[in-house]
Amino acid sequence: MTNMIKEIKLKADDISCTGCIEDMEIILRDQDGILEAKINYADDIIDIKYDSDVIERPAVIHTARRVANISKIIWEQ
């Protein structure tokens, strides 16, 4: 297997709990294959880096939807 690190930025609808952001990031990072998760409260952006050999893109989005209401994909690589 090759190591395929990918990144996806998601727009969430109204992240309303600043105190919950750390917990949300932990939940995302606890998913096998998600290497890094950062949430920008001011912009409602979730930035996730993941290993596509371990987790597929739909599973990454599904995991993000567990912590926030995702309105669209902004960018991915």
PDB file of N, CA and C in Angstrom:
ATOM      1  N   MET A   1       0.834  -1.198   0.000  1.00  0.00           N
ATOM      2  CA  MET A   1       0.000   0.000   0.000  1.00  0.00           C
ATOM      3  C   MET A   1       0.873   1.254   0.000  1.00  0.00           C
ATOM      4  N   THR A   2       0.409   2.237  -0.702  1.00  0.00           N
ATOM      5  CA  THR A   2       1.108   3.510  -0.691  1.00  0.00           C
ATOM      6  C   THR A   2       0.449   4.422   0.333  1.00  0.00           C
ATOM      7  N   ASN A   3       1.225   5.308   0.877  1.00  0.00           N
ATOM      8  CA  ASN A   3       0.692   6.243   1.867  1.00  0.00           C
ATOM      9  C   ASN A   3       0.106   7.434   1.131  1.00  0.00           C
ATOM     10  N   MET A   4      -1.212   7.539   1.146  1.00  0.00           N
ATOM     11  CA  MET A   4      -1.903   8.599   0.417  1.00  0.00           C
ATOM     12  C   MET A   4      -2.560   9.558   1.402  1.00  0.00           C
ATOM     13  N   ILE A   5      -1.826  10.587   1.776  1.00  0.00           N
ATOM     14  CA  ILE A   5      -2.371  11.594   2.686  1.00  0.00           C
ATOM     15  C   ILE A   5      -3.183  12.576   1.851  1.00  0.00           C
ATOM     16  N   LYS A   6      -4.430  12.748   2.240  1.00  0.00           N
ATOM     17  CA  LYS A   6      -5.326  13.666   1.552  1.00  0.00           C
ATOM     18  C   LYS A   6      -5.857  14.678   2.554  1.00  0.00           C
ATOM     19  N   GLU A   7      -6.384  15.760   2.013  1.00  0.00           N
ATOM     20  CA  GLU A   7      -6.934  16.811   2.866  1.00  0.00           C
ATOM     21  C   GLU A   7      -8.284  17.239   2.308  1.00  0.00           C
ATOM     22  N   ILE A   8      -9.201  17.526   3.200  1.00  0.00           N
ATOM     23  CA  ILE A   8     -10.521  18.004   2.806  1.00  0.00           C
ATOM     24  C   ILE A   8     -10.928  19.126   3.751  1.00  0.00           C
ATOM     25  N   LYS A   9     -11.497  20.188   3.191  1.00  0.00           N
ATOM     26  CA  LYS A   9     -12.020  21.303   3.995  1.00  0.00           C
ATOM     27  C   LYS A   9     -13.523  21.330   3.801  1.00  0.00           C
ATOM     28  N   LEU A  10     -14.222  21.331   4.910  1.00  0.00           N
ATOM     29  CA  LEU A  10     -15.677  21.286   4.894  1.00  0.00           C
ATOM     30  C   LEU A  10     -16.249  22.532   5.541  1.00  0.00           C
ATOM     31  N   LYS A  11     -17.343  23.019   4.986  1.00  0.00           N
ATOM     32  CA  LYS A  11     -18.074  24.145   5.565  1.00  0.00           C
ATOM     33  C   LYS A  11     -19.193  23.570   6.421  1.00  0.00           C
ATOM     34  N   ALA A  12     -19.211  23.984   7.679  1.00  0.00           N
ATOM     35  CA  ALA A  12     -20.266  23.561   8.597  1.00  0.00           C
ATOM     36  C   ALA A  12     -21.273  24.694   8.749  1.00  0.00           C
ATOM     37  N   ASP A  13     -22.476  24.332   9.096  1.00  0.00           N
ATOM     38  CA  ASP A  13     -23.512  25.327   9.349  1.00  0.00           C
ATOM     39  C   ASP A  13     -23.492  25.694  10.826  1.00  0.00           C
ATOM     40  N   ASP A  14     -23.031  26.903  11.117  1.00  0.00           N
ATOM     41  CA  ASP A  14     -23.173  27.495  12.432  1.00  0.00           C
ATOM     42  C   ASP A  14     -22.675  26.622  13.592  1.00  0.00           C
ATOM     43  N   ILE A  15     -21.364  26.475  13.696  1.00  0.00           N
ATOM     44  CA  ILE A  15     -20.793  25.828  14.877  1.00  0.00           C
ATOM     45  C   ILE A  15     -20.995  26.803  16.026  1.00  0.00           C
ATOM     46  N   SER A  16     -21.807  26.415  16.988  1.00  0.00           N
ATOM     47  CA  SER A  16     -22.255  27.381  17.996  1.00  0.00           C
ATOM     48  C   SER A  16     -21.591  27.227  19.362  1.00  0.00           C
ATOM     49  N   CYS A  17     -20.774  26.208  19.539  1.00  0.00           N
ATOM     50  CA  CYS A  17     -20.197  25.960  20.859  1.00  0.00           C
ATOM     51  C   CYS A  17     -18.674  26.035  20.787  1.00  0.00           C
ATOM     52  N   THR A  18     -18.115  27.165  21.220  1.00  0.00           N
ATOM     53  CA  THR A  18     -16.658  27.311  21.185  1.00  0.00           C
ATOM     54  C   THR A  18     -15.983  26.305  22.115  1.00  0.00           C
ATOM     55  N   GLY A  19     -16.615  25.997  23.216  1.00  0.00           N
ATOM     56  CA  GLY A  19     -16.047  25.052  24.165  1.00  0.00           C
ATOM     57  C   GLY A  19     -16.051  23.622  23.672  1.00  0.00           C
ATOM     58  N   CYS A  20     -16.866  23.339  22.670  1.00  0.00           N
ATOM     59  CA  CYS A  20     -16.987  21.970  22.150  1.00  0.00           C
ATOM     60  C   CYS A  20     -15.970  21.654  21.056  1.00  0.00           C
ATOM     61  N   ILE A  21     -15.307  22.658  20.543  1.00  0.00           N
ATOM     62  CA  ILE A  21     -14.426  22.455  19.399  1.00  0.00           C
ATOM     63  C   ILE A  21     -13.339  21.434  19.700  1.00  0.00           C
ATOM     64  N   GLU A  22     -12.711  21.518  20.848  1.00  0.00           N
ATOM     65  CA  GLU A  22     -11.664  20.553  21.189  1.00  0.00           C
ATOM     66  C   GLU A  22     -12.222  19.140  21.221  1.00  0.00           C
ATOM     67  N   ASP A  23     -13.403  18.965  21.802  1.00  0.00           N
ATOM     68  CA  ASP A  23     -14.033  17.640  21.833  1.00  0.00           C
ATOM     69  C   ASP A  23     -14.348  17.151  20.419  1.00  0.00           C
ATOM     70  N   MET A  24     -14.820  18.049  19.584  1.00  0.00           N
ATOM     71  CA  MET A  24     -15.136  17.689  18.201  1.00  0.00           C
ATOM     72  C   MET A  24     -13.874  17.241  17.457  1.00  0.00           C
ATOM     73  N   GLU A  25     -12.783  17.958  17.664  1.00  0.00           N
ATOM     74  CA  GLU A  25     -11.514  17.587  17.023  1.00  0.00           C
ATOM     75  C   GLU A  25     -11.033  16.227  17.518  1.00  0.00           C
ATOM     76  N   ILE A  26     -11.196  15.951  18.790  1.00  0.00           N
ATOM     77  CA  ILE A  26     -10.794  14.649  19.354  1.00  0.00           C
ATOM     78  C   ILE A  26     -11.622  13.532  18.740  1.00  0.00           C
ATOM     79  N   ILE A  27     -12.928  13.740  18.634  1.00  0.00           N
ATOM     80  CA  ILE A  27     -13.799  12.727  18.025  1.00  0.00           C
ATOM     81  C   ILE A  27     -13.348  12.433  16.598  1.00  0.00           C
ATOM     82  N   LEU A  28     -13.028  13.467  15.847  1.00  0.00           N
ATOM     83  CA  LEU A  28     -12.562  13.275  14.475  1.00  0.00           C
ATOM     84  C   LEU A  28     -11.238  12.520  14.448  1.00  0.00           C
ATOM     85  N   ARG A  29     -10.284  12.933  15.273  1.00  0.00           N
ATOM     86  CA  ARG A  29      -8.961  12.289  15.282  1.00  0.00           C
ATOM     87  C   ARG A  29      -9.012  10.865  15.805  1.00  0.00           C
ATOM     88  N   ASP A  30     -10.010  10.530  16.594  1.00  0.00           N
ATOM     89  CA  ASP A  30     -10.140   9.162  17.113  1.00  0.00           C
ATOM     90  C   ASP A  30     -10.540   8.159  16.038  1.00  0.00           C
ATOM     91  N   GLN A  31     -11.028   8.651  14.917  1.00  0.00           N
ATOM     92  CA  GLN A  31     -11.404   7.774  13.808  1.00  0.00           C
ATOM     93  C   GLN A  31     -10.131   7.272  13.127  1.00  0.00           C
ATOM     94  N   ASP A  32     -10.003   5.955  12.977  1.00  0.00           N
ATOM     95  CA  ASP A  32      -8.842   5.391  12.292  1.00  0.00           C
ATOM     96  C   ASP A  32      -8.686   6.021  10.918  1.00  0.00           C
ATOM     97  N   GLY A  33      -7.502   6.464  10.617  1.00  0.00           N
ATOM     98  CA  GLY A  33      -7.197   7.040   9.313  1.00  0.00           C
ATOM     99  C   GLY A  33      -7.212   8.558   9.288  1.00  0.00           C
ATOM    100  N   ILE A  34      -7.922   9.185  10.231  1.00  0.00           N
ATOM    101  CA  ILE A  34      -7.898  10.644  10.297  1.00  0.00           C
ATOM    102  C   ILE A  34      -6.669  11.042  11.107  1.00  0.00           C
ATOM    103  N   LEU A  35      -5.773  11.771  10.467  1.00  0.00           N
ATOM    104  CA  LEU A  35      -4.490  12.105  11.060  1.00  0.00           C
ATOM    105  C   LEU A  35      -4.515  13.439  11.793  1.00  0.00           C
ATOM    106  N   GLU A  36      -5.304  14.377  11.257  1.00  0.00           N
ATOM    107  CA  GLU A  36      -5.341  15.720  11.831  1.00  0.00           C
ATOM    108  C   GLU A  36      -6.720  16.317  11.578  1.00  0.00           C
ATOM    109  N   ALA A  37      -7.232  17.022  12.572  1.00  0.00           N
ATOM    110  CA  ALA A  37      -8.517  17.707  12.418  1.00  0.00           C
ATOM    111  C   ALA A  37      -8.437  19.039  13.140  1.00  0.00           C
ATOM    112  N   LYS A  38      -8.760  20.097  12.407  1.00  0.00           N
ATOM    113  CA  LYS A  38      -8.771  21.437  12.983  1.00  0.00           C
ATOM    114  C   LYS A  38     -10.097  22.091  12.627  1.00  0.00           C
ATOM    115  N   ILE A  39     -10.694  22.742  13.608  1.00  0.00           N
ATOM    116  CA  ILE A  39     -11.958  23.426  13.389  1.00  0.00           C
ATOM    117  C   ILE A  39     -11.762  24.911  13.645  1.00  0.00           C
ATOM    118  N   ASN A  40     -12.154  25.715  12.663  1.00  0.00           N
ATOM    119  CA  ASN A  40     -12.095  27.163  12.786  1.00  0.00           C
ATOM    120  C   ASN A  40     -13.494  27.650  13.146  1.00  0.00           C
ATOM    121  N   TYR A  41     -13.665  28.060  14.387  1.00  0.00           N
ATOM    122  CA  TYR A  41     -14.974  28.484  14.889  1.00  0.00           C
ATOM    123  C   TYR A  41     -15.508  29.708  14.143  1.00  0.00           C
ATOM    124  N   ALA A  42     -14.663  30.682  13.920  1.00  0.00           N
ATOM    125  CA  ALA A  42     -15.103  31.939  13.306  1.00  0.00           C
ATOM    126  C   ALA A  42     -15.622  31.736  11.880  1.00  0.00           C
ATOM    127  N   ASP A  43     -14.994  30.810  11.139  1.00  0.00           N
ATOM    128  CA  ASP A  43     -15.363  30.590   9.740  1.00  0.00           C
ATOM    129  C   ASP A  43     -16.219  29.350   9.527  1.00  0.00           C
ATOM    130  N   ASP A  44     -16.454  28.563  10.589  1.00  0.00           N
ATOM    131  CA  ASP A  44     -17.203  27.304  10.487  1.00  0.00           C
ATOM    132  C   ASP A  44     -16.564  26.351   9.478  1.00  0.00           C
ATOM    133  N   ILE A  45     -15.235  26.262   9.521  1.00  0.00           N
ATOM    134  CA  ILE A  45     -14.491  25.403   8.600  1.00  0.00           C
ATOM    135  C   ILE A  45     -13.876  24.245   9.379  1.00  0.00           C
ATOM    136  N   ILE A  46     -14.031  23.043   8.842  1.00  0.00           N
ATOM    137  CA  ILE A  46     -13.398  21.849   9.396  1.00  0.00           C
ATOM    138  C   ILE A  46     -12.357  21.394   8.391  1.00  0.00           C
ATOM    139  N   ASP A  47     -11.114  21.338   8.821  1.00  0.00           N
ATOM    140  CA  ASP A  47      -9.990  20.938   7.972  1.00  0.00           C
ATOM    141  C   ASP A  47      -9.503  19.579   8.466  1.00  0.00           C
ATOM    142  N   ILE A  48      -9.539  18.584   7.589  1.00  0.00           N
ATOM    143  CA  ILE A  48      -9.185  17.212   7.974  1.00  0.00           C
ATOM    144  C   ILE A  48      -8.122  16.683   7.032  1.00  0.00           C
ATOM    145  N   LYS A  49      -7.060  16.111   7.613  1.00  0.00           N
ATOM    146  CA  LYS A  49      -6.063  15.360   6.853  1.00  0.00           C
ATOM    147  C   LYS A  49      -6.261  13.894   7.199  1.00  0.00           C
ATOM    148  N   TYR A  50      -6.248  13.050   6.158  1.00  0.00           N
ATOM    149  CA  TYR A  50      -6.499  11.625   6.386  1.00  0.00           C
ATOM    150  C   TYR A  50      -5.676  10.757   5.447  1.00  0.00           C
ATOM    151  N   ASP A  51      -5.510   9.510   5.848  1.00  0.00           N
ATOM    152  CA  ASP A  51      -4.777   8.526   5.063  1.00  0.00           C
ATOM    153  C   ASP A  51      -5.805   7.719   4.272  1.00  0.00           C
ATOM    154  N   SER A  52      -5.841   7.915   2.967  1.00  0.00           N
ATOM    155  CA  SER A  52      -6.854   7.264   2.136  1.00  0.00           C
ATOM    156  C   SER A  52      -6.633   5.756   2.001  1.00  0.00           C
ATOM    157  N   ASP A  53      -5.488   5.258   2.446  1.00  0.00           N
ATOM    158  CA  ASP A  53      -5.273   3.816   2.493  1.00  0.00           C
ATOM    159  C   ASP A  53      -5.995   3.194   3.688  1.00  0.00           C
ATOM    160  N   VAL A  54      -6.348   4.014   4.668  1.00  0.00           N
ATOM    161  CA  VAL A  54      -6.982   3.540   5.894  1.00  0.00           C
ATOM    162  C   VAL A  54      -8.474   3.865   5.924  1.00  0.00           C
ATOM    163  N   ILE A  55      -8.835   5.051   5.457  1.00  0.00           N
ATOM    164  CA  ILE A  55     -10.226   5.491   5.488  1.00  0.00           C
ATOM    165  C   ILE A  55     -10.581   6.127   4.151  1.00  0.00           C
ATOM    166  N   GLU A  56     -11.761   5.809   3.658  1.00  0.00           N
ATOM    167  CA  GLU A  56     -12.204   6.369   2.387  1.00  0.00           C
ATOM    168  C   GLU A  56     -12.883   7.715   2.605  1.00  0.00           C
ATOM    169  N   ARG A  57     -12.895   8.521   1.556  1.00  0.00           N
ATOM    170  CA  ARG A  57     -13.461   9.867   1.601  1.00  0.00           C
ATOM    171  C   ARG A  57     -14.885   9.895   2.157  1.00  0.00           C
ATOM    172  N   PRO A  58     -15.803   9.017   1.706  1.00  0.00           N
ATOM    173  CA  PRO A  58     -17.165   9.061   2.261  1.00  0.00           C
ATOM    174  C   PRO A  58     -17.202   8.829   3.774  1.00  0.00           C
ATOM    175  N   ALA A  59     -16.311   7.990   4.276  1.00  0.00           N
ATOM    176  CA  ALA A  59     -16.263   7.736   5.719  1.00  0.00           C
ATOM    177  C   ALA A  59     -15.742   8.956   6.475  1.00  0.00           C
ATOM    178  N   VAL A  60     -14.836   9.712   5.865  1.00  0.00           N
ATOM    179  CA  VAL A  60     -14.340  10.944   6.483  1.00  0.00           C
ATOM    180  C   VAL A  60     -15.491  11.947   6.610  1.00  0.00           C
ATOM    181  N   ILE A  61     -16.239  12.110   5.534  1.00  0.00           N
ATOM    182  CA  ILE A  61     -17.370  13.041   5.552  1.00  0.00           C
ATOM    183  C   ILE A  61     -18.428  12.580   6.547  1.00  0.00           C
ATOM    184  N   HIS A  62     -18.697  11.286   6.582  1.00  0.00           N
ATOM    185  CA  HIS A  62     -19.664  10.741   7.549  1.00  0.00           C
ATOM    186  C   HIS A  62     -19.218  11.040   8.981  1.00  0.00           C
ATOM    187  N   THR A  63     -17.944  10.871   9.254  1.00  0.00           N
ATOM    188  CA  THR A  63     -17.421  11.151  10.597  1.00  0.00           C
ATOM    189  C   THR A  63     -17.571  12.634  10.931  1.00  0.00           C
ATOM    190  N   ALA A  64     -17.293  13.506   9.967  1.00  0.00           N
ATOM    191  CA  ALA A  64     -17.456  14.948  10.192  1.00  0.00           C
ATOM    192  C   ALA A  64     -18.916  15.286  10.470  1.00  0.00           C
ATOM    193  N   ARG A  65     -19.820  14.591   9.815  1.00  0.00           N
ATOM    194  CA  ARG A  65     -21.256  14.844  10.036  1.00  0.00           C
ATOM    195  C   ARG A  65     -21.714  14.393  11.420  1.00  0.00           C
ATOM    196  N   ARG A  66     -20.938  13.564  12.078  1.00  0.00           N
ATOM    197  CA  ARG A  66     -21.257  13.173  13.454  1.00  0.00           C
ATOM    198  C   ARG A  66     -21.060  14.333  14.422  1.00  0.00           C
ATOM    199  N   VAL A  67     -20.192  15.275  14.068  1.00  0.00           N
ATOM    200  CA  VAL A  67     -19.886  16.386  14.985  1.00  0.00           C
ATOM    201  C   VAL A  67     -20.437  17.729  14.530  1.00  0.00           C
ATOM    202  N   ALA A  68     -20.840  17.832  13.258  1.00  0.00           N
ATOM    203  CA  ALA A  68     -21.336  19.119  12.754  1.00  0.00           C
ATOM    204  C   ALA A  68     -22.250  18.897  11.556  1.00  0.00           C
ATOM    205  N   ASN A  69     -23.074  19.881  11.291  1.00  0.00           N
ATOM    206  CA  ASN A  69     -23.927  19.856  10.117  1.00  0.00           C
ATOM    207  C   ASN A  69     -23.115  20.406   8.939  1.00  0.00           C
ATOM    208  N   ILE A  70     -22.687  19.514   8.063  1.00  0.00           N
ATOM    209  CA  ILE A  70     -21.821  19.903   6.949  1.00  0.00           C
ATOM    210  C   ILE A  70     -22.683  20.398   5.784  1.00  0.00           C
ATOM    211  N   SER A  71     -22.396  21.613   5.313  1.00  0.00           N
ATOM    212  CA  SER A  71     -23.190  22.162   4.212  1.00  0.00           C
ATOM    213  C   SER A  71     -22.539  21.961   2.843  1.00  0.00           C
ATOM    214  N   LYS A  72     -21.202  21.921   2.802  1.00  0.00           N
ATOM    215  CA  LYS A  72     -20.543  21.701   1.512  1.00  0.00           C
ATOM    216  C   LYS A  72     -19.064  21.398   1.692  1.00  0.00           C
ATOM    217  N   ILE A  73     -18.511  20.861   0.640  1.00  0.00           N
ATOM    218  CA  ILE A  73     -17.067  20.641   0.561  1.00  0.00           C
ATOM    219  C   ILE A  73     -16.480  21.885  -0.081  1.00  0.00           C
ATOM    220  N   ILE A  74     -15.526  22.499   0.610  1.00  0.00           N
ATOM    221  CA  ILE A  74     -14.906  23.716   0.107  1.00  0.00           C
ATOM    222  C   ILE A  74     -13.728  23.407  -0.802  1.00  0.00           C
ATOM    223  N   TRP A  75     -12.933  22.424  -0.372  1.00  0.00           N
ATOM    224  CA  TRP A  75     -11.684  22.136  -1.087  1.00  0.00           C
ATOM    225  C   TRP A  75     -11.221  20.747  -0.695  1.00  0.00           C
ATOM    226  N   GLU A  76     -10.599  20.071  -1.634  1.00  0.00           N
ATOM    227  CA  GLU A  76      -9.967  18.796  -1.295  1.00  0.00           C
ATOM    228  C   GLU A  76      -8.793  18.540  -2.202  1.00  0.00           C
ATOM    229  N   GLN A  77      -7.853  17.766  -1.659  1.00  0.00           N
ATOM    230  CA  GLN A  77      -6.632  17.441  -2.393  1.00  0.00           C
ATOM    231  C   GLN A  77      -6.301  16.012  -2.137  1.00  0.00           C
TER     232      GLN A  77
END
